[in-house]
Amino acid sequence: MKDMDPIRRRMAELAAEIAHHNRRYYQMDDPEISDAAYDALMRELQTLEAAHPDLAAADSPTRRVGAPPLEKFGAV
């Protein structure tokens, strides 16, 4: 299982980076990367998860739908 450590580590790095960019985009309305760069991160994580489903985290960004609304939008 030691040979899976770099894969597990990369998947965790990607998940953390995607979570960071989700916050910047959806909650702060201040993206740091292009949509194409974000999509590339998601594709890489999806590819790794498809190849190693046993390493996929239950809270992976690939399994989430949507994000909370920005605070500047009031309740209706």
PDB file of N, CA and C in Angstrom:
ATOM      1  N   MET A   1       0.823  -1.196   0.000  1.00  0.00           N
ATOM      2  CA  MET A   1       0.000   0.000   0.000  1.00  0.00           C
ATOM      3  C   MET A   1       0.864   1.255   0.000  1.00  0.00           C
ATOM      4  N   LYS A   2       2.145   1.112   0.329  1.00  0.00           N
ATOM      5  CA  LYS A   2       3.030   2.268   0.369  1.00  0.00           C
ATOM      6  C   LYS A   2       3.126   2.944  -1.000  1.00  0.00           C
ATOM      7  N   ASP A   3       3.034   2.175  -2.083  1.00  0.00           N
ATOM      8  CA  ASP A   3       3.105   2.760  -3.415  1.00  0.00           C
ATOM      9  C   ASP A   3       1.895   3.637  -3.719  1.00  0.00           C
ATOM     10  N   MET A   4       0.836   3.559  -2.919  1.00  0.00           N
ATOM     11  CA  MET A   4      -0.348   4.400  -3.093  1.00  0.00           C
ATOM     12  C   MET A   4      -0.195   5.745  -2.381  1.00  0.00           C
ATOM     13  N   ASP A   5       0.815   5.872  -1.523  1.00  0.00           N
ATOM     14  CA  ASP A   5       0.979   7.110  -0.763  1.00  0.00           C
ATOM     15  C   ASP A   5       1.077   8.356  -1.644  1.00  0.00           C
ATOM     16  N   PRO A   6       1.872   8.343  -2.724  1.00  0.00           N
ATOM     17  CA  PRO A   6       1.921   9.542  -3.573  1.00  0.00           C
ATOM     18  C   PRO A   6       0.566   9.850  -4.226  1.00  0.00           C
ATOM     19  N   ILE A   7      -0.180   8.824  -4.566  1.00  0.00           N
ATOM     20  CA  ILE A   7      -1.499   9.021  -5.175  1.00  0.00           C
ATOM     21  C   ILE A   7      -2.465   9.586  -4.144  1.00  0.00           C
ATOM     22  N   ARG A   8      -2.468   8.997  -2.971  1.00  0.00           N
ATOM     23  CA  ARG A   8      -3.330   9.479  -1.882  1.00  0.00           C
ATOM     24  C   ARG A   8      -2.988  10.939  -1.547  1.00  0.00           C
ATOM     25  N   ARG A   9      -1.695  11.242  -1.488  1.00  0.00           N
ATOM     26  CA  ARG A   9      -1.241  12.599  -1.185  1.00  0.00           C
ATOM     27  C   ARG A   9      -1.686  13.583  -2.274  1.00  0.00           C
ATOM     28  N   ARG A  10      -1.536  13.182  -3.537  1.00  0.00           N
ATOM     29  CA  ARG A  10      -1.938  14.067  -4.641  1.00  0.00           C
ATOM     30  C   ARG A  10      -3.443  14.305  -4.609  1.00  0.00           C
ATOM     31  N   MET A  11      -4.214  13.276  -4.315  1.00  0.00           N
ATOM     32  CA  MET A  11      -5.667  13.435  -4.239  1.00  0.00           C
ATOM     33  C   MET A  11      -6.037  14.408  -3.118  1.00  0.00           C
ATOM     34  N   ALA A  12      -5.371  14.316  -1.994  1.00  0.00           N
ATOM     35  CA  ALA A  12      -5.634  15.237  -0.880  1.00  0.00           C
ATOM     36  C   ALA A  12      -5.231  16.660  -1.248  1.00  0.00           C
ATOM     37  N   GLU A  13      -4.100  16.809  -1.941  1.00  0.00           N
ATOM     38  CA  GLU A  13      -3.653  18.138  -2.384  1.00  0.00           C
ATOM     39  C   GLU A  13      -4.673  18.754  -3.338  1.00  0.00           C
ATOM     40  N   LEU A  14      -5.126  17.959  -4.291  1.00  0.00           N
ATOM     41  CA  LEU A  14      -6.109  18.453  -5.254  1.00  0.00           C
ATOM     42  C   LEU A  14      -7.404  18.851  -4.556  1.00  0.00           C
ATOM     43  N   ALA A  15      -7.875  18.021  -3.636  1.00  0.00           N
ATOM     44  CA  ALA A  15      -9.115  18.322  -2.917  1.00  0.00           C
ATOM     45  C   ALA A  15      -8.977  19.623  -2.138  1.00  0.00           C
ATOM     46  N   ALA A  16      -7.842  19.819  -1.482  1.00  0.00           N
ATOM     47  CA  ALA A  16      -7.620  21.050  -0.713  1.00  0.00           C
ATOM     48  C   ALA A  16      -7.541  22.263  -1.634  1.00  0.00           C
ATOM     49  N   GLU A  17      -6.851  22.115  -2.748  1.00  0.00           N
ATOM     50  CA  GLU A  17      -6.725  23.229  -3.692  1.00  0.00           C
ATOM     51  C   GLU A  17      -8.084  23.587  -4.297  1.00  0.00           C
ATOM     52  N   ILE A  18      -8.861  22.591  -4.652  1.00  0.00           N
ATOM     53  CA  ILE A  18     -10.194  22.828  -5.209  1.00  0.00           C
ATOM     54  C   ILE A  18     -11.090  23.491  -4.168  1.00  0.00           C
ATOM     55  N   ALA A  19     -11.023  23.035  -2.926  1.00  0.00           N
ATOM     56  CA  ALA A  19     -11.820  23.650  -1.854  1.00  0.00           C
ATOM     57  C   ALA A  19     -11.443  25.122  -1.691  1.00  0.00           C
ATOM     58  N   HIS A  20     -10.153  25.414  -1.750  1.00  0.00           N
ATOM     59  CA  HIS A  20      -9.686  26.801  -1.664  1.00  0.00           C
ATOM     60  C   HIS A  20     -10.293  27.640  -2.787  1.00  0.00           C
ATOM     61  N   HIS A  21     -10.235  27.116  -4.007  1.00  0.00           N
ATOM     62  CA  HIS A  21     -10.753  27.866  -5.152  1.00  0.00           C
ATOM     63  C   HIS A  21     -12.277  27.959  -5.121  1.00  0.00           C
ATOM     64  N   ASN A  22     -12.947  26.960  -4.576  1.00  0.00           N
ATOM     65  CA  ASN A  22     -14.404  27.056  -4.401  1.00  0.00           C
ATOM     66  C   ASN A  22     -14.754  28.214  -3.472  1.00  0.00           C
ATOM     67  N   ARG A  23     -14.034  28.327  -2.358  1.00  0.00           N
ATOM     68  CA  ARG A  23     -14.277  29.446  -1.430  1.00  0.00           C
ATOM     69  C   ARG A  23     -14.029  30.786  -2.107  1.00  0.00           C
ATOM     70  N   ARG A  24     -12.914  30.880  -2.828  1.00  0.00           N
ATOM     71  CA  ARG A  24     -12.584  32.144  -3.504  1.00  0.00           C
ATOM     72  C   ARG A  24     -13.668  32.521  -4.521  1.00  0.00           C
ATOM     73  N   TYR A  25     -14.154  31.547  -5.256  1.00  0.00           N
ATOM     74  CA  TYR A  25     -15.114  31.801  -6.329  1.00  0.00           C
ATOM     75  C   TYR A  25     -16.525  32.015  -5.799  1.00  0.00           C
ATOM     76  N   TYR A  26     -17.002  31.080  -4.976  1.00  0.00           N
ATOM     77  CA  TYR A  26     -18.406  31.099  -4.565  1.00  0.00           C
ATOM     78  C   TYR A  26     -18.686  31.975  -3.352  1.00  0.00           C
ATOM     79  N   GLN A  27     -17.804  32.029  -2.395  1.00  0.00           N
ATOM     80  CA  GLN A  27     -18.086  32.765  -1.168  1.00  0.00           C
ATOM     81  C   GLN A  27     -17.472  34.158  -1.156  1.00  0.00           C
ATOM     82  N   MET A  28     -16.330  34.314  -1.816  1.00  0.00           N
ATOM     83  CA  MET A  28     -15.659  35.606  -1.797  1.00  0.00           C
ATOM     84  C   MET A  28     -15.854  36.386  -3.094  1.00  0.00           C
ATOM     85  N   ASP A  29     -16.361  35.722  -4.139  1.00  0.00           N
ATOM     86  CA  ASP A  29     -16.528  36.340  -5.448  1.00  0.00           C
ATOM     87  C   ASP A  29     -15.214  36.965  -5.919  1.00  0.00           C
ATOM     88  N   ASP A  30     -14.113  36.217  -5.723  1.00  0.00           N
ATOM     89  CA  ASP A  30     -12.777  36.714  -6.046  1.00  0.00           C
ATOM     90  C   ASP A  30     -11.894  35.555  -6.518  1.00  0.00           C
ATOM     91  N   PRO A  31     -12.181  35.016  -7.712  1.00  0.00           N
ATOM     92  CA  PRO A  31     -11.416  33.858  -8.180  1.00  0.00           C
ATOM     93  C   PRO A  31      -9.947  34.197  -8.419  1.00  0.00           C
ATOM     94  N   GLU A  32      -9.094  33.205  -8.188  1.00  0.00           N
ATOM     95  CA  GLU A  32      -7.650  33.362  -8.404  1.00  0.00           C
ATOM     96  C   GLU A  32      -7.176  32.685  -9.684  1.00  0.00           C
ATOM     97  N   ILE A  33      -7.963  31.746 -10.186  1.00  0.00           N
ATOM     98  CA  ILE A  33      -7.559  31.019 -11.383  1.00  0.00           C
ATOM     99  C   ILE A  33      -8.700  31.049 -12.398  1.00  0.00           C
ATOM    100  N   SER A  34      -8.365  30.734 -13.628  1.00  0.00           N
ATOM    101  CA  SER A  34      -9.374  30.704 -14.691  1.00  0.00           C
ATOM    102  C   SER A  34     -10.267  29.480 -14.532  1.00  0.00           C
ATOM    103  N   ASP A  35     -11.414  29.532 -15.191  1.00  0.00           N
ATOM    104  CA  ASP A  35     -12.314  28.375 -15.186  1.00  0.00           C
ATOM    105  C   ASP A  35     -11.618  27.152 -15.782  1.00  0.00           C
ATOM    106  N   ALA A  36     -10.812  27.376 -16.818  1.00  0.00           N
ATOM    107  CA  ALA A  36     -10.111  26.260 -17.463  1.00  0.00           C
ATOM    108  C   ALA A  36      -9.120  25.608 -16.503  1.00  0.00           C
ATOM    109  N   ALA A  37      -8.412  26.408 -15.719  1.00  0.00           N
ATOM    110  CA  ALA A  37      -7.460  25.860 -14.748  1.00  0.00           C
ATOM    111  C   ALA A  37      -8.195  25.086 -13.654  1.00  0.00           C
ATOM    112  N   TYR A  38      -9.327  25.625 -13.196  1.00  0.00           N
ATOM    113  CA  TYR A  38     -10.147  24.940 -12.188  1.00  0.00           C
ATOM    114  C   TYR A  38     -10.646  23.605 -12.749  1.00  0.00           C
ATOM    115  N   ASP A  39     -11.147  23.637 -13.974  1.00  0.00           N
ATOM    116  CA  ASP A  39     -11.642  22.411 -14.610  1.00  0.00           C
ATOM    117  C   ASP A  39     -10.540  21.366 -14.728  1.00  0.00           C
ATOM    118  N   ALA A  40      -9.312  21.799 -15.006  1.00  0.00           N
ATOM    119  CA  ALA A  40      -8.190  20.864 -15.114  1.00  0.00           C
ATOM    120  C   ALA A  40      -7.915  20.194 -13.765  1.00  0.00           C
ATOM    121  N   LEU A  41      -8.001  20.951 -12.676  1.00  0.00           N
ATOM    122  CA  LEU A  41      -7.825  20.370 -11.339  1.00  0.00           C
ATOM    123  C   LEU A  41      -8.906  19.326 -11.068  1.00  0.00           C
ATOM    124  N   MET A  42     -10.149  19.677 -11.383  1.00  0.00           N
ATOM    125  CA  MET A  42     -11.259  18.741 -11.164  1.00  0.00           C
ATOM    126  C   MET A  42     -11.088  17.483 -12.013  1.00  0.00           C
ATOM    127  N   ARG A  43     -10.693  17.647 -13.265  1.00  0.00           N
ATOM    128  CA  ARG A  43     -10.503  16.487 -14.145  1.00  0.00           C
ATOM    129  C   ARG A  43      -9.406  15.566 -13.613  1.00  0.00           C
ATOM    130  N   GLU A  44      -8.317  16.163 -13.124  1.00  0.00           N
ATOM    131  CA  GLU A  44      -7.237  15.340 -12.583  1.00  0.00           C
ATOM    132  C   GLU A  44      -7.728  14.542 -11.378  1.00  0.00           C
ATOM    133  N   LEU A  45      -8.467  15.197 -10.486  1.00  0.00           N
ATOM    134  CA  LEU A  45      -8.990  14.493  -9.313  1.00  0.00           C
ATOM    135  C   LEU A  45      -9.987  13.413  -9.730  1.00  0.00           C
ATOM    136  N   GLN A  46     -10.866  13.714 -10.672  1.00  0.00           N
ATOM    137  CA  GLN A  46     -11.834  12.724 -11.150  1.00  0.00           C
ATOM    138  C   GLN A  46     -11.125  11.518 -11.764  1.00  0.00           C
ATOM    139  N   THR A  47     -10.074  11.761 -12.513  1.00  0.00           N
ATOM    140  CA  THR A  47      -9.312  10.681 -13.137  1.00  0.00           C
ATOM    141  C   THR A  47      -8.664   9.795 -12.080  1.00  0.00           C
ATOM    142  N   LEU A  48      -8.060  10.421 -11.064  1.00  0.00           N
ATOM    143  CA  LEU A  48      -7.440   9.647  -9.986  1.00  0.00           C
ATOM    144  C   LEU A  48      -8.482   8.850  -9.208  1.00  0.00           C
ATOM    145  N   GLU A  49      -9.626   9.460  -8.936  1.00  0.00           N
ATOM    146  CA  GLU A  49     -10.689   8.757  -8.207  1.00  0.00           C
ATOM    147  C   GLU A  49     -11.251   7.595  -9.015  1.00  0.00           C
ATOM    148  N   ALA A  50     -11.352   7.765 -10.317  1.00  0.00           N
ATOM    149  CA  ALA A  50     -11.854   6.677 -11.161  1.00  0.00           C
ATOM    150  C   ALA A  50     -10.858   5.514 -11.191  1.00  0.00           C
ATOM    151  N   ALA A  51      -9.574   5.839 -11.193  1.00  0.00           N
ATOM    152  CA  ALA A  51      -8.543   4.803 -11.223  1.00  0.00           C
ATOM    153  C   ALA A  51      -8.340   4.150  -9.858  1.00  0.00           C
ATOM    154  N   HIS A  52      -8.661   4.893  -8.790  1.00  0.00           N
ATOM    155  CA  HIS A  52      -8.439   4.406  -7.419  1.00  0.00           C
ATOM    156  C   HIS A  52      -9.652   4.730  -6.549  1.00  0.00           C
ATOM    157  N   PRO A  53     -10.803   4.125  -6.834  1.00  0.00           N
ATOM    158  CA  PRO A  53     -12.019   4.463  -6.084  1.00  0.00           C
ATOM    159  C   PRO A  53     -11.903   4.195  -4.586  1.00  0.00           C
ATOM    160  N   ASP A  54     -11.048   3.266  -4.211  1.00  0.00           N
ATOM    161  CA  ASP A  54     -10.858   2.969  -2.786  1.00  0.00           C
ATOM    162  C   ASP A  54     -10.162   4.107  -2.043  1.00  0.00           C
ATOM    163  N   LEU A  55      -9.521   5.015  -2.771  1.00  0.00           N
ATOM    164  CA  LEU A  55      -8.833   6.153  -2.151  1.00  0.00           C
ATOM    165  C   LEU A  55      -9.669   7.427  -2.181  1.00  0.00           C
ATOM    166  N   ALA A  56     -10.809   7.387  -2.859  1.00  0.00           N
ATOM    167  CA  ALA A  56     -11.653   8.584  -2.981  1.00  0.00           C
ATOM    168  C   ALA A  56     -12.274   8.925  -1.631  1.00  0.00           C
ATOM    169  N   ALA A  57     -12.161  10.173  -1.237  1.00  0.00           N
ATOM    170  CA  ALA A  57     -12.723  10.634   0.038  1.00  0.00           C
ATOM    171  C   ALA A  57     -14.232  10.818  -0.088  1.00  0.00           C
ATOM    172  N   ALA A  58     -14.938  10.517   0.979  1.00  0.00           N
ATOM    173  CA  ALA A  58     -16.398  10.676   0.981  1.00  0.00           C
ATOM    174  C   ALA A  58     -16.802  12.130   0.782  1.00  0.00           C
ATOM    175  N   ASP A  59     -15.953  13.063   1.218  1.00  0.00           N
ATOM    176  CA  ASP A  59     -16.265  14.489   1.081  1.00  0.00           C
ATOM    177  C   ASP A  59     -15.508  15.146  -0.076  1.00  0.00           C
ATOM    178  N   SER A  60     -15.148  14.350  -1.059  1.00  0.00           N
ATOM    179  CA  SER A  60     -14.416  14.864  -2.213  1.00  0.00           C
ATOM    180  C   SER A  60     -15.206  15.965  -2.916  1.00  0.00           C
ATOM    181  N   PRO A  61     -14.508  16.989  -3.416  1.00  0.00           N
ATOM    182  CA  PRO A  61     -15.197  18.044  -4.171  1.00  0.00           C
ATOM    183  C   PRO A  61     -15.911  17.515  -5.414  1.00  0.00           C
ATOM    184  N   THR A  62     -15.493  16.360  -5.904  1.00  0.00           N
ATOM    185  CA  THR A  62     -16.153  15.800  -7.082  1.00  0.00           C
ATOM    186  C   THR A  62     -17.537  15.260  -6.747  1.00  0.00           C
ATOM    187  N   ARG A  63     -17.833  15.096  -5.475  1.00  0.00           N
ATOM    188  CA  ARG A  63     -19.125  14.553  -5.038  1.00  0.00           C
ATOM    189  C   ARG A  63     -20.077  15.632  -4.542  1.00  0.00           C
ATOM    190  N   ARG A  64     -19.635  16.862  -4.549  1.00  0.00           N
ATOM    191  CA  ARG A  64     -20.470  17.958  -4.044  1.00  0.00           C
ATOM    192  C   ARG A  64     -21.226  18.618  -5.180  1.00  0.00           C
ATOM    193  N   VAL A  65     -22.406  19.106  -4.829  1.00  0.00           N
ATOM    194  CA  VAL A  65     -23.220  19.843  -5.792  1.00  0.00           C
ATOM    195  C   VAL A  65     -23.459  21.226  -5.221  1.00  0.00           C
ATOM    196  N   GLY A  66     -23.090  22.241  -5.963  1.00  0.00           N
ATOM    197  CA  GLY A  66     -23.350  23.615  -5.542  1.00  0.00           C
ATOM    198  C   GLY A  66     -22.491  24.074  -4.386  1.00  0.00           C
ATOM    199  N   ALA A  67     -22.812  25.269  -3.925  1.00  0.00           N
ATOM    200  CA  ALA A  67     -22.101  25.893  -2.809  1.00  0.00           C
ATOM    201  C   ALA A  67     -23.063  26.821  -2.105  1.00  0.00           C
ATOM    202  N   PRO A  68     -22.763  27.178  -0.862  1.00  0.00           N
ATOM    203  CA  PRO A  68     -23.639  28.129  -0.173  1.00  0.00           C
ATOM    204  C   PRO A  68     -23.644  29.472  -0.903  1.00  0.00           C
ATOM    205  N   PRO A  69     -24.750  30.220  -0.833  1.00  0.00           N
ATOM    206  CA  PRO A  69     -24.795  31.516  -1.506  1.00  0.00           C
ATOM    207  C   PRO A  69     -23.875  32.520  -0.828  1.00  0.00           C
ATOM    208  N   LEU A  70     -23.464  33.507  -1.591  1.00  0.00           N
ATOM    209  CA  LEU A  70     -22.656  34.590  -1.039  1.00  0.00           C
ATOM    210  C   LEU A  70     -23.429  35.303   0.055  1.00  0.00           C
ATOM    211  N   GLU A  71     -22.718  35.769   1.066  1.00  0.00           N
ATOM    212  CA  GLU A  71     -23.364  36.464   2.175  1.00  0.00           C
ATOM    213  C   GLU A  71     -24.014  37.773   1.731  1.00  0.00           C
ATOM    214  N   LYS A  72     -23.503  38.361   0.650  1.00  0.00           N
ATOM    215  CA  LYS A  72     -24.063  39.638   0.210  1.00  0.00           C
ATOM    216  C   LYS A  72     -25.475  39.489  -0.362  1.00  0.00           C
ATOM    217  N   PHE A  73     -25.900  38.249  -0.618  1.00  0.00           N
ATOM    218  CA  PHE A  73     -27.261  38.012  -1.080  1.00  0.00           C
ATOM    219  C   PHE A  73     -28.143  37.721   0.130  1.00  0.00           C
ATOM    220  N   GLY A  74     -29.078  38.573   0.395  1.00  0.00           N
ATOM    221  CA  GLY A  74     -29.968  38.397   1.539  1.00  0.00           C
ATOM    222  C   GLY A  74     -31.022  37.338   1.284  1.00  0.00           C
ATOM    223  N   ALA A  75     -31.639  36.889   2.363  1.00  0.00           N
ATOM    224  CA  ALA A  75     -32.723  35.919   2.251  1.00  0.00           C
ATOM    225  C   ALA A  75     -33.948  36.592   1.645  1.00  0.00           C
ATOM    226  N   VAL A  76     -34.713  35.833   0.896  1.00  0.00           N
ATOM    227  CA  VAL A  76     -35.912  36.373   0.249  1.00  0.00           C
ATOM    228  C   VAL A  76     -37.136  35.898   0.983  1.00  0.00           C
TER     229      VAL A  76
END
